[in-house]
Amino acid sequence: MKMTAPVLAMALVAWSAAEADEATDSSCVSAAVGRIPGIPGTTINRTQVSNSARIAGTPDDHFARNVVISVHSESGDAAYVFLCNAEPGKKIVLRLLGIW
């Protein structure tokens, strides 16, 4: 019985962290979609968010996410790749890494 409270507390902390990650991921995707050029007829096929690999010359950043937005338009398919830094309490910072 004495172990129930600590186990419940740990489960609550893990659930809160997962919920915070989902909110961060959603914020990064929304910001990235807003940066894609508004070409008529463009549709978003897929969005993908993953933890960012460490980039040489930058400190280890636990808030960085890679965001890939795959789009289709009349001229063809493309994937916009962004680095998103969504540190709590700060403005989201996006950096376009490339278009493939």
PDB file of N, CA and C in Angstrom:
ATOM      1  N   MET A   1       0.806  -1.194   0.000  1.00  0.00           N
ATOM      2  CA  MET A   1       0.000   0.000   0.000  1.00  0.00           C
ATOM      3  C   MET A   1       0.851   1.259   0.000  1.00  0.00           C
ATOM      4  N   LYS A   2       2.011   1.216   0.681  1.00  0.00           N
ATOM      5  CA  LYS A   2       2.856   2.396   0.762  1.00  0.00           C
ATOM      6  C   LYS A   2       3.471   2.737  -0.597  1.00  0.00           C
ATOM      7  N   MET A   3       3.602   1.775  -1.478  1.00  0.00           N
ATOM      8  CA  MET A   3       4.200   2.009  -2.786  1.00  0.00           C
ATOM      9  C   MET A   3       3.215   2.617  -3.780  1.00  0.00           C
ATOM     10  N   THR A   4       1.932   2.601  -3.498  1.00  0.00           N
ATOM     11  CA  THR A   4       0.933   3.082  -4.431  1.00  0.00           C
ATOM     12  C   THR A   4       1.100   4.565  -4.744  1.00  0.00           C
ATOM     13  N   ALA A   5       1.304   5.401  -3.757  1.00  0.00           N
ATOM     14  CA  ALA A   5       1.425   6.847  -3.968  1.00  0.00           C
ATOM     15  C   ALA A   5       2.639   7.196  -4.831  1.00  0.00           C
ATOM     16  N   PRO A   6       3.840   6.659  -4.564  1.00  0.00           N
ATOM     17  CA  PRO A   6       4.986   6.985  -5.436  1.00  0.00           C
ATOM     18  C   PRO A   6       4.803   6.490  -6.872  1.00  0.00           C
ATOM     19  N   VAL A   7       4.225   5.306  -7.035  1.00  0.00           N
ATOM     20  CA  VAL A   7       4.009   4.774  -8.378  1.00  0.00           C
ATOM     21  C   VAL A   7       3.010   5.644  -9.125  1.00  0.00           C
ATOM     22  N   LEU A   8       1.948   6.049  -8.446  1.00  0.00           N
ATOM     23  CA  LEU A   8       0.948   6.918  -9.056  1.00  0.00           C
ATOM     24  C   LEU A   8       1.557   8.266  -9.426  1.00  0.00           C
ATOM     25  N   ALA A   9       2.394   8.807  -8.561  1.00  0.00           N
ATOM     26  CA  ALA A   9       3.048  10.087  -8.834  1.00  0.00           C
ATOM     27  C   ALA A   9       3.961   9.980 -10.053  1.00  0.00           C
ATOM     28  N   MET A  10       4.710   8.895 -10.162  1.00  0.00           N
ATOM     29  CA  MET A  10       5.598   8.704 -11.314  1.00  0.00           C
ATOM     30  C   MET A  10       4.797   8.572 -12.603  1.00  0.00           C
ATOM     31  N   ALA A  11       3.679   7.875 -12.564  1.00  0.00           N
ATOM     32  CA  ALA A  11       2.831   7.721 -13.745  1.00  0.00           C
ATOM     33  C   ALA A  11       2.254   9.066 -14.171  1.00  0.00           C
ATOM     34  N   LEU A  12       1.867   9.888 -13.205  1.00  0.00           N
ATOM     35  CA  LEU A  12       1.319  11.208 -13.493  1.00  0.00           C
ATOM     36  C   LEU A  12       2.371  12.111 -14.130  1.00  0.00           C
ATOM     37  N   VAL A  13       3.598  12.065 -13.648  1.00  0.00           N
ATOM     38  CA  VAL A  13       4.684  12.866 -14.212  1.00  0.00           C
ATOM     39  C   VAL A  13       4.974  12.419 -15.645  1.00  0.00           C
ATOM     40  N   ALA A  14       5.012  11.125 -15.891  1.00  0.00           N
ATOM     41  CA  ALA A  14       5.265  10.603 -17.235  1.00  0.00           C
ATOM     42  C   ALA A  14       4.153  11.009 -18.190  1.00  0.00           C
ATOM     43  N   TRP A  15       2.913  10.955 -17.756  1.00  0.00           N
ATOM     44  CA  TRP A  15       1.782  11.342 -18.583  1.00  0.00           C
ATOM     45  C   TRP A  15       1.841  12.828 -18.890  1.00  0.00           C
ATOM     46  N   SER A  16       2.181  13.662 -17.920  1.00  0.00           N
ATOM     47  CA  SER A  16       2.289  15.107 -18.134  1.00  0.00           C
ATOM     48  C   SER A  16       3.390  15.435 -19.129  1.00  0.00           C
ATOM     49  N   ALA A  17       4.511  14.740 -19.041  1.00  0.00           N
ATOM     50  CA  ALA A  17       5.620  14.973 -19.967  1.00  0.00           C
ATOM     51  C   ALA A  17       5.222  14.586 -21.387  1.00  0.00           C
ATOM     52  N   ALA A  18       4.509  13.474 -21.532  1.00  0.00           N
ATOM     53  CA  ALA A  18       4.068  13.047 -22.863  1.00  0.00           C
ATOM     54  C   ALA A  18       3.092  14.047 -23.453  1.00  0.00           C
ATOM     55  N   GLU A  19       2.198  14.568 -22.628  1.00  0.00           N
ATOM     56  CA  GLU A  19       1.232  15.556 -23.086  1.00  0.00           C
ATOM     57  C   GLU A  19       1.936  16.849 -23.496  1.00  0.00           C
ATOM     58  N   ALA A  20       2.957  17.242 -22.758  1.00  0.00           N
ATOM     59  CA  ALA A  20       3.730  18.440 -23.094  1.00  0.00           C
ATOM     60  C   ALA A  20       4.462  18.248 -24.418  1.00  0.00           C
ATOM     61  N   ASP A  21       5.020  17.047 -24.659  1.00  0.00           N
ATOM     62  CA  ASP A  21       5.697  16.760 -25.922  1.00  0.00           C
ATOM     63  C   ASP A  21       4.727  16.854 -27.096  1.00  0.00           C
ATOM     64  N   GLU A  22       3.519  16.347 -26.935  1.00  0.00           N
ATOM     65  CA  GLU A  22       2.513  16.424 -27.994  1.00  0.00           C
ATOM     66  C   GLU A  22       2.161  17.868 -28.299  1.00  0.00           C
ATOM     67  N   ALA A  23       2.043  18.694 -27.280  1.00  0.00           N
ATOM     68  CA  ALA A  23       1.735  20.106 -27.487  1.00  0.00           C
ATOM     69  C   ALA A  23       2.889  20.811 -28.198  1.00  0.00           C
ATOM     70  N   THR A  24       4.117  20.480 -27.816  1.00  0.00           N
ATOM     71  CA  THR A  24       5.292  21.055 -28.464  1.00  0.00           C
ATOM     72  C   THR A  24       5.339  20.635 -29.918  1.00  0.00           C
ATOM     73  N   ASP A  25       5.127  19.355 -30.193  1.00  0.00           N
ATOM     74  CA  ASP A  25       5.137  18.853 -31.564  1.00  0.00           C
ATOM     75  C   ASP A  25       4.068  19.549 -32.400  1.00  0.00           C
ATOM     76  N   SER A  26       2.881  19.693 -31.849  1.00  0.00           N
ATOM     77  CA  SER A  26       1.786  20.348 -32.550  1.00  0.00           C
ATOM     78  C   SER A  26       2.123  21.812 -32.846  1.00  0.00           C
ATOM     79  N   SER A  27       2.728  22.495 -31.897  1.00  0.00           N
ATOM     80  CA  SER A  27       3.125  23.896 -32.095  1.00  0.00           C
ATOM     81  C   SER A  27       4.178  24.008 -33.190  1.00  0.00           C
ATOM     82  N   CYS A  28       5.129  23.087 -33.209  1.00  0.00           N
ATOM     83  CA  CYS A  28       6.174  23.096 -34.234  1.00  0.00           C
ATOM     84  C   CYS A  28       5.576  22.858 -35.620  1.00  0.00           C
ATOM     85  N   VAL A  29       4.652  21.911 -35.739  1.00  0.00           N
ATOM     86  CA  VAL A  29       4.020  21.631 -37.024  1.00  0.00           C
ATOM     87  C   VAL A  29       3.229  22.842 -37.495  1.00  0.00           C
ATOM     88  N   SER A  30       2.468  23.462 -36.612  1.00  0.00           N
ATOM     89  CA  SER A  30       1.675  24.642 -36.983  1.00  0.00           C
ATOM     90  C   SER A  30       2.569  25.773 -37.482  1.00  0.00           C
ATOM     91  N   ALA A  31       3.672  26.004 -36.778  1.00  0.00           N
ATOM     92  CA  ALA A  31       4.599  27.058 -37.180  1.00  0.00           C
ATOM     93  C   ALA A  31       5.242  26.728 -38.526  1.00  0.00           C
ATOM     94  N   ALA A  32       5.605  25.473 -38.745  1.00  0.00           N
ATOM     95  CA  ALA A  32       6.248  25.063 -39.996  1.00  0.00           C
ATOM     96  C   ALA A  32       5.279  25.175 -41.177  1.00  0.00           C
ATOM     97  N   VAL A  33       4.044  24.759 -40.982  1.00  0.00           N
ATOM     98  CA  VAL A  33       3.044  24.862 -42.052  1.00  0.00           C
ATOM     99  C   VAL A  33       2.851  26.328 -42.443  1.00  0.00           C
ATOM    100  N   GLY A  34       2.912  27.218 -41.477  1.00  0.00           N
ATOM    101  CA  GLY A  34       2.779  28.646 -41.758  1.00  0.00           C
ATOM    102  C   GLY A  34       3.928  29.208 -42.574  1.00  0.00           C
ATOM    103  N   ARG A  35       5.059  28.530 -42.602  1.00  0.00           N
ATOM    104  CA  ARG A  35       6.226  29.003 -43.358  1.00  0.00           C
ATOM    105  C   ARG A  35       6.292  28.450 -44.781  1.00  0.00           C
ATOM    106  N   ILE A  36       5.423  27.491 -45.113  1.00  0.00           N
ATOM    107  CA  ILE A  36       5.417  26.927 -46.463  1.00  0.00           C
ATOM    108  C   ILE A  36       4.760  27.936 -47.402  1.00  0.00           C
ATOM    109  N   PRO A  37       5.365  28.166 -48.587  1.00  0.00           N
ATOM    110  CA  PRO A  37       4.788  29.139 -49.530  1.00  0.00           C
ATOM    111  C   PRO A  37       3.349  28.787 -49.886  1.00  0.00           C
ATOM    112  N   GLY A  38       2.521  29.797 -49.978  1.00  0.00           N
ATOM    113  CA  GLY A  38       1.098  29.603 -50.282  1.00  0.00           C
ATOM    114  C   GLY A  38       0.846  29.500 -51.777  1.00  0.00           C
ATOM    115  N   ILE A  39       1.213  28.383 -52.368  1.00  0.00           N
ATOM    116  CA  ILE A  39       0.999  28.154 -53.790  1.00  0.00           C
ATOM    117  C   ILE A  39      -0.385  27.525 -53.958  1.00  0.00           C
ATOM    118  N   PRO A  40      -1.239  28.117 -54.816  1.00  0.00           N
ATOM    119  CA  PRO A  40      -2.577  27.545 -55.006  1.00  0.00           C
ATOM    120  C   PRO A  40      -2.513  26.083 -55.435  1.00  0.00           C
ATOM    121  N   GLY A  41      -3.368  25.271 -54.875  1.00  0.00           N
ATOM    122  CA  GLY A  41      -3.444  23.858 -55.218  1.00  0.00           C
ATOM    123  C   GLY A  41      -2.476  22.979 -54.445  1.00  0.00           C
ATOM    124  N   THR A  42      -1.678  23.558 -53.569  1.00  0.00           N
ATOM    125  CA  THR A  42      -0.730  22.768 -52.772  1.00  0.00           C
ATOM    126  C   THR A  42      -1.472  22.062 -51.647  1.00  0.00           C
ATOM    127  N   THR A  43      -1.197  20.775 -51.485  1.00  0.00           N
ATOM    128  CA  THR A  43      -1.787  20.018 -50.390  1.00  0.00           C
ATOM    129  C   THR A  43      -0.681  19.389 -49.556  1.00  0.00           C
ATOM    130  N   ILE A  44      -0.929  19.279 -48.272  1.00  0.00           N
ATOM    131  CA  ILE A  44       0.025  18.641 -47.357  1.00  0.00           C
ATOM    132  C   ILE A  44      -0.295  17.156 -47.313  1.00  0.00           C
ATOM    133  N   ASN A  45       0.694  16.350 -47.681  1.00  0.00           N
ATOM    134  CA  ASN A  45       0.508  14.894 -47.682  1.00  0.00           C
ATOM    135  C   ASN A  45       0.786  14.284 -46.321  1.00  0.00           C
ATOM    136  N   ARG A  46       1.840  14.800 -45.651  1.00  0.00           N
ATOM    137  CA  ARG A  46       2.275  14.161 -44.411  1.00  0.00           C
ATOM    138  C   ARG A  46       3.090  15.141 -43.591  1.00  0.00           C
ATOM    139  N   THR A  47       2.982  15.009 -42.281  1.00  0.00           N
ATOM    140  CA  THR A  47       3.847  15.748 -41.366  1.00  0.00           C
ATOM    141  C   THR A  47       4.529  14.731 -40.457  1.00  0.00           C
ATOM    142  N   GLN A  48       5.784  15.015 -40.133  1.00  0.00           N
ATOM    143  CA  GLN A  48       6.540  14.110 -39.265  1.00  0.00           C
ATOM    144  C   GLN A  48       7.379  14.954 -38.318  1.00  0.00           C
ATOM    145  N   VAL A  49       7.349  14.602 -37.051  1.00  0.00           N
ATOM    146  CA  VAL A  49       8.145  15.293 -36.040  1.00  0.00           C
ATOM    147  C   VAL A  49       9.000  14.259 -35.327  1.00  0.00           C
ATOM    148  N   SER A  50      10.273  14.585 -35.167  1.00  0.00           N
ATOM    149  CA  SER A  50      11.175  13.682 -34.456  1.00  0.00           C
ATOM    150  C   SER A  50      12.156  14.498 -33.637  1.00  0.00           C
ATOM    151  N   ASN A  51      12.757  13.869 -32.664  1.00  0.00           N
ATOM    152  CA  ASN A  51      13.786  14.549 -31.892  1.00  0.00           C
ATOM    153  C   ASN A  51      14.950  14.843 -32.815  1.00  0.00           C
ATOM    154  N   SER A  52      15.539  15.985 -32.615  1.00  0.00           N
ATOM    155  CA  SER A  52      16.633  16.413 -33.470  1.00  0.00           C
ATOM    156  C   SER A  52      17.923  15.717 -33.084  1.00  0.00           C
ATOM    157  N   ALA A  53      18.670  15.310 -34.099  1.00  0.00           N
ATOM    158  CA  ALA A  53      20.011  14.796 -33.850  1.00  0.00           C
ATOM    159  C   ALA A  53      20.896  15.973 -33.451  1.00  0.00           C
ATOM    160  N   ARG A  54      21.919  15.699 -32.704  1.00  0.00           N
ATOM    161  CA  ARG A  54      22.810  16.771 -32.274  1.00  0.00           C
ATOM    162  C   ARG A  54      23.500  17.362 -33.489  1.00  0.00           C
ATOM    163  N   ILE A  55      23.497  18.681 -33.573  1.00  0.00           N
ATOM    164  CA  ILE A  55      24.127  19.396 -34.672  1.00  0.00           C
ATOM    165  C   ILE A  55      25.492  19.872 -34.215  1.00  0.00           C
ATOM    166  N   ALA A  56      26.512  19.614 -35.026  1.00  0.00           N
ATOM    167  CA  ALA A  56      27.877  20.002 -34.671  1.00  0.00           C
ATOM    168  C   ALA A  56      27.961  21.501 -34.412  1.00  0.00           C
ATOM    169  N   GLY A  57      28.612  21.862 -33.329  1.00  0.00           N
ATOM    170  CA  GLY A  57      28.813  23.269 -32.999  1.00  0.00           C
ATOM    171  C   GLY A  57      27.693  23.896 -32.200  1.00  0.00           C
ATOM    172  N   THR A  58      26.672  23.127 -31.870  1.00  0.00           N
ATOM    173  CA  THR A  58      25.585  23.662 -31.053  1.00  0.00           C
ATOM    174  C   THR A  58      25.488  22.855 -29.767  1.00  0.00           C
ATOM    175  N   PRO A  59      25.052  23.496 -28.705  1.00  0.00           N
ATOM    176  CA  PRO A  59      24.902  22.739 -27.457  1.00  0.00           C
ATOM    177  C   PRO A  59      23.784  21.712 -27.575  1.00  0.00           C
ATOM    178  N   ASP A  60      23.842  20.694 -26.738  1.00  0.00           N
ATOM    179  CA  ASP A  60      22.804  19.670 -26.724  1.00  0.00           C
ATOM    180  C   ASP A  60      21.484  20.339 -26.344  1.00  0.00           C
ATOM    181  N   ASP A  61      20.510  20.268 -27.231  1.00  0.00           N
ATOM    182  CA  ASP A  61      19.240  20.968 -27.040  1.00  0.00           C
ATOM    183  C   ASP A  61      18.111  19.954 -26.919  1.00  0.00           C
ATOM    184  N   HIS A  62      17.533  19.862 -25.735  1.00  0.00           N
ATOM    185  CA  HIS A  62      16.463  18.894 -25.486  1.00  0.00           C
ATOM    186  C   HIS A  62      15.120  19.360 -26.036  1.00  0.00           C
ATOM    187  N   PHE A  63      15.040  20.616 -26.485  1.00  0.00           N
ATOM    188  CA  PHE A  63      13.777  21.156 -26.977  1.00  0.00           C
ATOM    189  C   PHE A  63      13.702  21.183 -28.496  1.00  0.00           C
ATOM    190  N   ALA A  64      14.779  20.810 -29.191  1.00  0.00           N
ATOM    191  CA  ALA A  64      14.805  20.866 -30.649  1.00  0.00           C
ATOM    192  C   ALA A  64      14.084  19.663 -31.250  1.00  0.00           C
ATOM    193  N   ARG A  65      13.349  19.936 -32.320  1.00  0.00           N
ATOM    194  CA  ARG A  65      12.621  18.899 -33.045  1.00  0.00           C
ATOM    195  C   ARG A  65      12.883  19.083 -34.534  1.00  0.00           C
ATOM    196  N   ASN A  66      12.979  17.984 -35.267  1.00  0.00           N
ATOM    197  CA  ASN A  66      12.992  18.024 -36.722  1.00  0.00           C
ATOM    198  C   ASN A  66      11.544  17.921 -37.182  1.00  0.00           C
ATOM    199  N   VAL A  67      11.151  18.797 -38.085  1.00  0.00           N
ATOM    200  CA  VAL A  67       9.794  18.784 -38.623  1.00  0.00           C
ATOM    201  C   VAL A  67       9.904  18.646 -40.134  1.00  0.00           C
ATOM    202  N   VAL A  68       9.259  17.613 -40.678  1.00  0.00           N
ATOM    203  CA  VAL A  68       9.241  17.398 -42.127  1.00  0.00           C
ATOM    204  C   VAL A  68       7.800  17.536 -42.590  1.00  0.00           C
ATOM    205  N   ILE A  69       7.576  18.446 -43.536  1.00  0.00           N
ATOM    206  CA  ILE A  69       6.250  18.655 -44.113  1.00  0.00           C
ATOM    207  C   ILE A  69       6.333  18.241 -45.581  1.00  0.00           C
ATOM    208  N   SER A  70       5.628  17.178 -45.953  1.00  0.00           N
ATOM    209  CA  SER A  70       5.604  16.714 -47.343  1.00  0.00           C
ATOM    210  C   SER A  70       4.396  17.319 -48.035  1.00  0.00           C
ATOM    211  N   VAL A  71       4.631  17.959 -49.194  1.00  0.00           N
ATOM    212  CA  VAL A  71       3.552  18.636 -49.913  1.00  0.00           C
ATOM    213  C   VAL A  71       3.497  18.154 -51.361  1.00  0.00           C
ATOM    214  N   HIS A  72       2.335  18.343 -51.972  1.00  0.00           N
ATOM    215  CA  HIS A  72       2.135  18.033 -53.387  1.00  0.00           C
ATOM    216  C   HIS A  72       1.508  19.259 -54.041  1.00  0.00           C
ATOM    217  N   SER A  73       2.020  19.601 -55.222  1.00  0.00           N
ATOM    218  CA  SER A  73       1.445  20.687 -56.012  1.00  0.00           C
ATOM    219  C   SER A  73       1.488  20.295 -57.478  1.00  0.00           C
ATOM    220  N   GLU A  74       0.966  21.159 -58.343  1.00  0.00           N
ATOM    221  CA  GLU A  74       0.972  20.864 -59.770  1.00  0.00           C
ATOM    222  C   GLU A  74       2.389  20.677 -60.294  1.00  0.00           C
ATOM    223  N   SER A  75       3.336  21.394 -59.721  1.00  0.00           N
ATOM    224  CA  SER A  75       4.716  21.315 -60.210  1.00  0.00           C
ATOM    225  C   SER A  75       5.477  20.112 -59.663  1.00  0.00           C
ATOM    226  N   GLY A  76       4.932  19.403 -58.693  1.00  0.00           N
ATOM    227  CA  GLY A  76       5.581  18.207 -58.170  1.00  0.00           C
ATOM    228  C   GLY A  76       5.492  18.087 -56.665  1.00  0.00           C
ATOM    229  N   ASP A  77       6.217  17.106 -56.142  1.00  0.00           N
ATOM    230  CA  ASP A  77       6.240  16.858 -54.705  1.00  0.00           C
ATOM    231  C   ASP A  77       7.487  17.474 -54.097  1.00  0.00           C
ATOM    232  N   ALA A  78       7.384  17.861 -52.834  1.00  0.00           N
ATOM    233  CA  ALA A  78       8.528  18.422 -52.119  1.00  0.00           C
ATOM    234  C   ALA A  78       8.388  18.104 -50.641  1.00  0.00           C
ATOM    235  N   ALA A  79       9.525  18.133 -49.956  1.00  0.00           N
ATOM    236  CA  ALA A  79       9.536  17.963 -48.502  1.00  0.00           C
ATOM    237  C   ALA A  79      10.316  19.124 -47.908  1.00  0.00           C
ATOM    238  N   TYR A  80       9.670  19.876 -47.050  1.00  0.00           N
ATOM    239  CA  TYR A  80      10.299  20.991 -46.342  1.00  0.00           C
ATOM    240  C   TYR A  80      10.773  20.470 -44.998  1.00  0.00           C
ATOM    241  N   VAL A  81      12.044  20.661 -44.696  1.00  0.00           N
ATOM    242  CA  VAL A  81      12.617  20.164 -43.449  1.00  0.00           C
ATOM    243  C   VAL A  81      13.028  21.358 -42.601  1.00  0.00           C
ATOM    244  N   PHE A  82      12.483  21.417 -41.382  1.00  0.00           N
ATOM    245  CA  PHE A  82      12.749  22.510 -40.457  1.00  0.00           C
ATOM    246  C   PHE A  82      13.374  21.985 -39.171  1.00  0.00           C
ATOM    247  N   LEU A  83      14.136  22.825 -38.529  1.00  0.00           N
ATOM    248  CA  LEU A  83      14.583  22.590 -37.164  1.00  0.00           C
ATOM    249  C   LEU A  83      13.760  23.529 -36.304  1.00  0.00           C
ATOM    250  N   CYS A  84      13.034  22.982 -35.359  1.00  0.00           N
ATOM    251  CA  CYS A  84      12.138  23.763 -34.507  1.00  0.00           C
ATOM    252  C   CYS A  84      12.649  23.732 -33.074  1.00  0.00           C
ATOM    253  N   ASN A  85      12.809  24.888 -32.486  1.00  0.00           N
ATOM    254  CA  ASN A  85      13.173  24.981 -31.077  1.00  0.00           C
ATOM    255  C   ASN A  85      11.983  25.559 -30.335  1.00  0.00           C
ATOM    256  N   ALA A  86      11.354  24.748 -29.519  1.00  0.00           N
ATOM    257  CA  ALA A  86      10.138  25.151 -28.806  1.00  0.00           C
ATOM    258  C   ALA A  86      10.369  25.078 -27.305  1.00  0.00           C
ATOM    259  N   GLU A  87      11.310  25.858 -26.836  1.00  0.00           N
ATOM    260  CA  GLU A  87      11.611  25.872 -25.407  1.00  0.00           C
ATOM    261  C   GLU A  87      10.441  26.500 -24.652  1.00  0.00           C
ATOM    262  N   PRO A  88       9.977  25.864 -23.578  1.00  0.00           N
ATOM    263  CA  PRO A  88       8.831  26.389 -22.833  1.00  0.00           C
ATOM    264  C   PRO A  88       9.061  27.837 -22.371  1.00  0.00           C
ATOM    265  N   GLY A  89       8.036  28.646 -22.549  1.00  0.00           N
ATOM    266  CA  GLY A  89       8.098  30.038 -22.115  1.00  0.00           C
ATOM    267  C   GLY A  89       8.785  30.968 -23.095  1.00  0.00           C
ATOM    268  N   LYS A  90       9.239  30.435 -24.234  1.00  0.00           N
ATOM    269  CA  LYS A  90       9.899  31.255 -25.244  1.00  0.00           C
ATOM    270  C   LYS A  90       9.192  31.092 -26.579  1.00  0.00           C
ATOM    271  N   LYS A  91       9.427  32.055 -27.463  1.00  0.00           N
ATOM    272  CA  LYS A  91       8.842  32.010 -28.793  1.00  0.00           C
ATOM    273  C   LYS A  91       9.458  30.860 -29.586  1.00  0.00           C
ATOM    274  N   ILE A  92       8.642  30.194 -30.400  1.00  0.00           N
ATOM    275  CA  ILE A  92       9.127  29.100 -31.238  1.00  0.00           C
ATOM    276  C   ILE A  92      10.053  29.673 -32.304  1.00  0.00           C
ATOM    277  N   VAL A  93      11.199  29.017 -32.482  1.00  0.00           N
ATOM    278  CA  VAL A  93      12.169  29.423 -33.484  1.00  0.00           C
ATOM    279  C   VAL A  93      12.285  28.315 -34.517  1.00  0.00           C
ATOM    280  N   LEU A  94      12.054  28.662 -35.787  1.00  0.00           N
ATOM    281  CA  LEU A  94      12.153  27.701 -36.886  1.00  0.00           C
ATOM    282  C   LEU A  94      13.337  28.059 -37.771  1.00  0.00           C
ATOM    283  N   ARG A  95      14.036  27.037 -38.223  1.00  0.00           N
ATOM    284  CA  ARG A  95      15.111  27.247 -39.187  1.00  0.00           C
ATOM    285  C   ARG A  95      14.917  26.238 -40.309  1.00  0.00           C
ATOM    286  N   LEU A  96      14.808  26.751 -41.544  1.00  0.00           N
ATOM    287  CA  LEU A  96      14.654  25.881 -42.701  1.00  0.00           C
ATOM    288  C   LEU A  96      15.991  25.208 -42.976  1.00  0.00           C
ATOM    289  N   LEU A  97      16.000  23.876 -42.936  1.00  0.00           N
ATOM    290  CA  LEU A  97      17.231  23.125 -43.194  1.00  0.00           C
ATOM    291  C   LEU A  97      17.359  22.766 -44.668  1.00  0.00           C
ATOM    292  N   GLY A  98      16.232  22.608 -45.346  1.00  0.00           N
ATOM    293  CA  GLY A  98      16.296  22.274 -46.761  1.00  0.00           C
ATOM    294  C   GLY A  98      14.950  21.930 -47.340  1.00  0.00           C
ATOM    295  N   ILE A  99      14.924  21.896 -48.671  1.00  0.00           N
ATOM    296  CA  ILE A  99      13.722  21.497 -49.411  1.00  0.00           C
ATOM    297  C   ILE A  99      14.156  20.388 -50.346  1.00  0.00           C
ATOM    298  N   TRP A 100      13.495  19.254 -50.272  1.00  0.00           N
ATOM    299  CA  TRP A 100      13.813  18.120 -51.136  1.00  0.00           C
ATOM    300  C   TRP A 100      12.632  17.760 -51.970  1.00  0.00           C
TER     301      TRP A 100
END
